[in-house]
Amino acid sequence: MNSDHETRPVSKDAQTQYDSRNVGEAGKEAMTSSDELKSSGLKATLPRLRILKLFESASLRHMSADDIYRLLMQEGVDIGLATVYRVLTQFEQAGLLKRHHFEGGKAVFELSQGGHHDHLVCMQCGKVEEFYDSEIEQRQERIARDRGFALHEHSLYLYADCTKQDCPNKAAPRA
């Protein structure tokens, strides 16, 4: 194991959401991790296979390099943090992952699965909810077109505080 890096617990969301489900559930036909790597032009090395498997099997869609590293450590996998960062960058360049900068610029990654969505980020706990709204999408297209732009891609992050009465991360009322 890499003892040069301090081992901290996995973030609450990453640990809670991580499980060992098989890829391809919910009736989807899934390629094997090895096939996905090869089709992206990457060799199927152990670190790449293990990291891709984590993204495919975790119900948490947004994970940092530290989250991945800690999950690997908990499984007893001897892959260093520098390797995790290198593999995440390779996956991003190959189009397997998308990088986002939520909550203060910390990079998190999610699998690129083809469908566009936007993000709602809780300012209290960092929880990220994905959503798609066709009206918002149409309006953004119209705004760009009205101003003389042809929109190629975009990302929308909404930062908010939870207003649900039963939210465990809700901030205490201000006096």
C-alpha atoms as a PDB file:
ATOM      1  CA  MET A   1       0.000   0.000   0.000  1.00  0.00           C
ATOM      2  CA  ASN A   2       1.045   3.597  -0.528  1.00  0.00           C
ATOM      3  CA  SER A   3       1.876   4.911   2.933  1.00  0.00           C
ATOM      4  CA  ASP A   4       2.952   8.335   1.644  1.00  0.00           C
ATOM      5  CA  HIS A   5      -0.674   9.451   1.400  1.00  0.00           C
ATOM      6  CA  GLU A   6      -2.756  10.020   4.483  1.00  0.00           C
ATOM      7  CA  THR A   7      -5.739   7.675   4.569  1.00  0.00           C
ATOM      8  CA  ARG A   8      -8.989   9.394   5.458  1.00  0.00           C
ATOM      9  CA  PRO A   9     -12.481   7.934   5.426  1.00  0.00           C
ATOM     10  CA  VAL A  10     -14.313   7.997   2.115  1.00  0.00           C
ATOM     11  CA  SER A  11     -16.738  10.893   1.847  1.00  0.00           C
ATOM     12  CA  LYS A  12     -20.113  10.064   3.351  1.00  0.00           C
ATOM     13  CA  ASP A  13     -21.839  10.121  -0.021  1.00  0.00           C
ATOM     14  CA  ALA A  14     -19.204   8.008  -1.763  1.00  0.00           C
ATOM     15  CA  GLN A  15     -19.247   5.343   0.955  1.00  0.00           C
ATOM     16  CA  THR A  16     -23.027   5.303   1.263  1.00  0.00           C
ATOM     17  CA  GLN A  17     -23.582   5.187  -2.456  1.00  0.00           C
ATOM     18  CA  TYR A  18     -20.832   2.712  -3.369  1.00  0.00           C
ATOM     19  CA  ASP A  19     -21.897  -0.878  -3.783  1.00  0.00           C
ATOM     20  CA  SER A  20     -20.792  -3.907  -5.755  1.00  0.00           C
ATOM     21  CA  ARG A  21     -23.647  -4.120  -8.240  1.00  0.00           C
ATOM     22  CA  ASN A  22     -22.874  -5.593 -11.632  1.00  0.00           C
ATOM     23  CA  VAL A  23     -22.580  -3.339 -14.645  1.00  0.00           C
ATOM     24  CA  GLY A  24     -25.456  -3.551 -17.069  1.00  0.00           C
ATOM     25  CA  GLU A  25     -28.339  -3.586 -14.625  1.00  0.00           C
ATOM     26  CA  ALA A  26     -31.722  -2.071 -15.423  1.00  0.00           C
ATOM     27  CA  GLY A  27     -31.835  -3.933 -18.722  1.00  0.00           C
ATOM     28  CA  LYS A  28     -28.902  -2.103 -20.325  1.00  0.00           C
ATOM     29  CA  GLU A  29     -26.502  -4.031 -22.529  1.00  0.00           C
ATOM     30  CA  ALA A  30     -23.073  -3.123 -21.188  1.00  0.00           C
ATOM     31  CA  MET A  31     -19.681  -3.649 -22.747  1.00  0.00           C
ATOM     32  CA  THR A  32     -17.064  -5.176 -20.532  1.00  0.00           C
ATOM     33  CA  SER A  33     -14.639  -2.734 -18.957  1.00  0.00           C
ATOM     34  CA  SER A  34     -11.853  -4.225 -21.058  1.00  0.00           C
ATOM     35  CA  ASP A  35     -13.841  -3.628 -24.269  1.00  0.00           C
ATOM     36  CA  GLU A  36     -14.608  -0.045 -23.261  1.00  0.00           C
ATOM     37  CA  LEU A  37     -10.937   0.677 -22.618  1.00  0.00           C
ATOM     38  CA  LYS A  38      -9.833  -0.890 -25.889  1.00  0.00           C
ATOM     39  CA  SER A  39     -12.488   0.956 -27.900  1.00  0.00           C
ATOM     40  CA  SER A  40     -11.203   4.191 -26.314  1.00  0.00           C
ATOM     41  CA  GLY A  41      -7.640   3.412 -27.379  1.00  0.00           C
ATOM     42  CA  LEU A  42      -6.400   2.472 -23.893  1.00  0.00           C
ATOM     43  CA  LYS A  43      -4.753  -0.762 -22.797  1.00  0.00           C
ATOM     44  CA  ALA A  44      -6.686  -2.770 -20.228  1.00  0.00           C
ATOM     45  CA  THR A  45      -4.282  -2.424 -17.285  1.00  0.00           C
ATOM     46  CA  LEU A  46      -5.239  -3.417 -13.731  1.00  0.00           C
ATOM     47  CA  PRO A  47      -5.460   0.187 -12.433  1.00  0.00           C
ATOM     48  CA  ARG A  48      -7.632   1.251 -15.379  1.00  0.00           C
ATOM     49  CA  LEU A  49      -9.914  -1.763 -15.042  1.00  0.00           C
ATOM     50  CA  ARG A  50     -10.363  -1.310 -11.282  1.00  0.00           C
ATOM     51  CA  ILE A  51     -11.055   2.419 -11.511  1.00  0.00           C
ATOM     52  CA  LEU A  52     -13.508   2.005 -14.387  1.00  0.00           C
ATOM     53  CA  LYS A  53     -15.252  -0.780 -12.442  1.00  0.00           C
ATOM     54  CA  LEU A  54     -15.684   1.587  -9.481  1.00  0.00           C
ATOM     55  CA  PHE A  55     -17.416   4.161 -11.669  1.00  0.00           C
ATOM     56  CA  GLU A  56     -19.589   1.512 -13.291  1.00  0.00           C
ATOM     57  CA  SER A  57     -20.651  -0.106 -10.016  1.00  0.00           C
ATOM     58  CA  ALA A  58     -21.106   2.940  -7.796  1.00  0.00           C
ATOM     59  CA  SER A  59     -24.538   4.494  -7.480  1.00  0.00           C
ATOM     60  CA  LEU A  60     -22.794   7.783  -6.631  1.00  0.00           C
ATOM     61  CA  ARG A  61     -22.153   9.354 -10.015  1.00  0.00           C
ATOM     62  CA  HIS A  62     -19.711  12.105  -9.009  1.00  0.00           C
ATOM     63  CA  MET A  63     -16.458  11.068  -7.329  1.00  0.00           C
ATOM     64  CA  SER A  64     -13.170  12.828  -6.687  1.00  0.00           C
ATOM     65  CA  ALA A  65      -9.742  11.259  -7.114  1.00  0.00           C
ATOM     66  CA  ASP A  66      -9.536  11.017  -3.316  1.00  0.00           C
ATOM     67  CA  ASP A  67     -12.890   9.192  -3.183  1.00  0.00           C
ATOM     68  CA  ILE A  68     -11.651   6.670  -5.765  1.00  0.00           C
ATOM     69  CA  TYR A  69      -8.328   6.234  -3.959  1.00  0.00           C
ATOM     70  CA  ARG A  70     -10.030   5.615  -0.609  1.00  0.00           C
ATOM     71  CA  LEU A  71     -12.457   3.096  -2.090  1.00  0.00           C
ATOM     72  CA  LEU A  72      -9.537   1.228  -3.657  1.00  0.00           C
ATOM     73  CA  MET A  73      -7.686   1.272  -0.322  1.00  0.00           C
ATOM     74  CA  GLN A  74     -10.761  -0.116   1.460  1.00  0.00           C
ATOM     75  CA  GLU A  75     -10.815  -2.971  -1.050  1.00  0.00           C
ATOM     76  CA  GLY A  76      -7.130  -3.635  -0.418  1.00  0.00           C
ATOM     77  CA  VAL A  77      -6.121  -2.629  -3.950  1.00  0.00           C
ATOM     78  CA  ASP A  78      -2.544  -1.311  -4.136  1.00  0.00           C
ATOM     79  CA  ILE A  79      -2.957   1.593  -6.571  1.00  0.00           C
ATOM     80  CA  GLY A  80      -1.321   4.888  -5.599  1.00  0.00           C
ATOM     81  CA  LEU A  81      -3.014   8.280  -5.625  1.00  0.00           C
ATOM     82  CA  ALA A  82      -0.758   9.526  -8.448  1.00  0.00           C
ATOM     83  CA  THR A  83      -1.903   6.576 -10.579  1.00  0.00           C
ATOM     84  CA  VAL A  84      -5.538   7.379  -9.784  1.00  0.00           C
ATOM     85  CA  TYR A  85      -5.045  10.984 -10.975  1.00  0.00           C
ATOM     86  CA  ARG A  86      -3.220   9.797 -14.112  1.00  0.00           C
ATOM     87  CA  VAL A  87      -5.935   7.250 -14.978  1.00  0.00           C
ATOM     88  CA  LEU A  88      -8.742   9.782 -14.399  1.00  0.00           C
ATOM     89  CA  THR A  89      -7.012  12.232 -16.747  1.00  0.00           C
ATOM     90  CA  GLN A  90      -6.559   9.483 -19.365  1.00  0.00           C
ATOM     91  CA  PHE A  91     -10.239   8.514 -19.048  1.00  0.00           C
ATOM     92  CA  GLU A  92     -11.284  12.137 -19.445  1.00  0.00           C
ATOM     93  CA  GLN A  93      -9.105  12.573 -22.548  1.00  0.00           C
ATOM     94  CA  ALA A  94     -10.501   9.332 -23.992  1.00  0.00           C
ATOM     95  CA  GLY A  95     -14.073  10.521 -23.405  1.00  0.00           C
ATOM     96  CA  LEU A  96     -14.936   7.887 -20.785  1.00  0.00           C
ATOM     97  CA  LEU A  97     -15.312  10.431 -17.961  1.00  0.00           C
ATOM     98  CA  LYS A  98     -16.413  14.037 -17.625  1.00  0.00           C
ATOM     99  CA  ARG A  99     -14.736  16.375 -15.154  1.00  0.00           C
ATOM    100  CA  HIS A 100     -16.766  18.867 -13.130  1.00  0.00           C
ATOM    101  CA  HIS A 101     -15.675  21.474 -10.598  1.00  0.00           C
ATOM    102  CA  PHE A 102     -18.320  21.621  -7.887  1.00  0.00           C
ATOM    103  CA  GLU A 103     -18.031  23.158  -4.415  1.00  0.00           C
ATOM    104  CA  GLY A 104     -14.998  25.392  -4.434  1.00  0.00           C
ATOM    105  CA  GLY A 105     -13.298  24.073  -7.546  1.00  0.00           C
ATOM    106  CA  LYS A 106     -12.718  20.502  -6.320  1.00  0.00           C
ATOM    107  CA  ALA A 107     -12.691  18.248  -9.389  1.00  0.00           C
ATOM    108  CA  VAL A 108     -15.154  15.388  -9.489  1.00  0.00           C
ATOM    109  CA  PHE A 109     -15.668  12.915 -12.301  1.00  0.00           C
ATOM    110  CA  GLU A 110     -18.641  11.061 -13.735  1.00  0.00           C
ATOM    111  CA  LEU A 111     -19.026   8.455 -16.462  1.00  0.00           C
ATOM    112  CA  SER A 112     -19.801   9.881 -19.895  1.00  0.00           C
ATOM    113  CA  GLN A 113     -22.985   8.096 -20.821  1.00  0.00           C
ATOM    114  CA  GLY A 114     -24.093  10.176 -23.756  1.00  0.00           C
ATOM    115  CA  GLY A 115     -27.121  11.965 -22.323  1.00  0.00           C
ATOM    116  CA  HIS A 116     -26.967  15.646 -21.444  1.00  0.00           C
ATOM    117  CA  HIS A 117     -28.004  16.750 -17.971  1.00  0.00           C
ATOM    118  CA  ASP A 118     -27.488  19.667 -15.634  1.00  0.00           C
ATOM    119  CA  HIS A 119     -26.560  19.725 -11.939  1.00  0.00           C
ATOM    120  CA  LEU A 120     -28.121  21.035  -8.746  1.00  0.00           C
ATOM    121  CA  VAL A 121     -25.500  21.287  -5.972  1.00  0.00           C
ATOM    122  CA  CYS A 122     -26.355  21.604  -2.264  1.00  0.00           C
ATOM    123  CA  MET A 123     -24.265  24.348  -0.643  1.00  0.00           C
ATOM    124  CA  GLN A 124     -24.635  22.709   2.778  1.00  0.00           C
ATOM    125  CA  CYS A 125     -23.431  19.173   2.128  1.00  0.00           C
ATOM    126  CA  GLY A 126     -22.223  19.114  -1.484  1.00  0.00           C
ATOM    127  CA  LYS A 127     -24.858  16.602  -2.615  1.00  0.00           C
ATOM    128  CA  VAL A 128     -25.302  16.732  -6.394  1.00  0.00           C
ATOM    129  CA  GLU A 129     -28.598  16.008  -8.116  1.00  0.00           C
ATOM    130  CA  GLU A 130     -28.777  15.665 -11.872  1.00  0.00           C
ATOM    131  CA  PHE A 131     -31.729  16.923 -13.860  1.00  0.00           C
ATOM    132  CA  TYR A 132     -32.871  17.570 -17.395  1.00  0.00           C
ATOM    133  CA  ASP A 133     -35.434  20.223 -18.305  1.00  0.00           C
ATOM    134  CA  SER A 134     -36.359  20.629 -21.966  1.00  0.00           C
ATOM    135  CA  GLU A 135     -37.650  24.192 -21.403  1.00  0.00           C
ATOM    136  CA  ILE A 136     -34.289  25.278 -19.964  1.00  0.00           C
ATOM    137  CA  GLU A 137     -32.469  23.594 -22.858  1.00  0.00           C
ATOM    138  CA  GLN A 138     -34.679  25.307 -25.469  1.00  0.00           C
ATOM    139  CA  ARG A 139     -34.321  28.676 -23.792  1.00  0.00           C
ATOM    140  CA  GLN A 140     -30.509  28.411 -23.717  1.00  0.00           C
ATOM    141  CA  GLU A 141     -30.501  27.549 -27.426  1.00  0.00           C
ATOM    142  CA  ARG A 142     -32.769  30.523 -28.153  1.00  0.00           C
ATOM    143  CA  ILE A 143     -30.652  32.931 -26.072  1.00  0.00           C
ATOM    144  CA  ALA A 144     -27.485  31.866 -27.897  1.00  0.00           C
ATOM    145  CA  ARG A 145     -29.169  32.081 -31.319  1.00  0.00           C
ATOM    146  CA  ASP A 146     -30.724  35.513 -30.566  1.00  0.00           C
ATOM    147  CA  ARG A 147     -27.276  36.833 -29.693  1.00  0.00           C
ATOM    148  CA  GLY A 148     -25.648  35.442 -32.831  1.00  0.00           C
ATOM    149  CA  PHE A 149     -24.102  32.278 -31.381  1.00  0.00           C
ATOM    150  CA  ALA A 150     -24.348  28.647 -32.403  1.00  0.00           C
ATOM    151  CA  LEU A 151     -24.295  26.664 -29.167  1.00  0.00           C
ATOM    152  CA  HIS A 152     -21.992  23.615 -29.260  1.00  0.00           C
ATOM    153  CA  GLU A 153     -22.230  22.537 -25.653  1.00  0.00           C
ATOM    154  CA  HIS A 154     -22.925  23.955 -22.234  1.00  0.00           C
ATOM    155  CA  SER A 155     -23.049  23.081 -18.570  1.00  0.00           C
ATOM    156  CA  LEU A 156     -25.416  24.428 -15.975  1.00  0.00           C
ATOM    157  CA  TYR A 157     -24.680  24.195 -12.255  1.00  0.00           C
ATOM    158  CA  LEU A 158     -27.275  25.518  -9.829  1.00  0.00           C
ATOM    159  CA  TYR A 159     -25.931  26.079  -6.305  1.00  0.00           C
ATOM    160  CA  ALA A 160     -28.647  26.085  -3.647  1.00  0.00           C
ATOM    161  CA  ASP A 161     -29.578  25.327  -0.048  1.00  0.00           C
ATOM    162  CA  CYS A 162     -31.948  22.441   0.603  1.00  0.00           C
ATOM    163  CA  THR A 163     -35.427  23.540   1.706  1.00  0.00           C
ATOM    164  CA  LYS A 164     -36.796  20.068   2.506  1.00  0.00           C
ATOM    165  CA  GLN A 165     -38.071  19.854   6.089  1.00  0.00           C
ATOM    166  CA  ASP A 166     -36.506  16.427   6.650  1.00  0.00           C
ATOM    167  CA  CYS A 167     -33.104  17.194   5.102  1.00  0.00           C
ATOM    168  CA  PRO A 168     -30.377  15.914   7.448  1.00  0.00           C
ATOM    169  CA  ASN A 169     -27.917  18.462   6.060  1.00  0.00           C
ATOM    170  CA  LYS A 170     -30.181  21.480   6.457  1.00  0.00           C
ATOM    171  CA  ALA A 171     -28.467  24.459   8.044  1.00  0.00           C
ATOM    172  CA  ALA A 172     -29.737  25.648  11.410  1.00  0.00           C
ATOM    173  CA  PRO A 173     -32.024  28.697  11.139  1.00  0.00           C
ATOM    174  CA  ARG A 174     -30.211  32.017  11.455  1.00  0.00           C
ATOM    175  CA  ALA A 175     -31.179  34.199  14.413  1.00  0.00           C
END
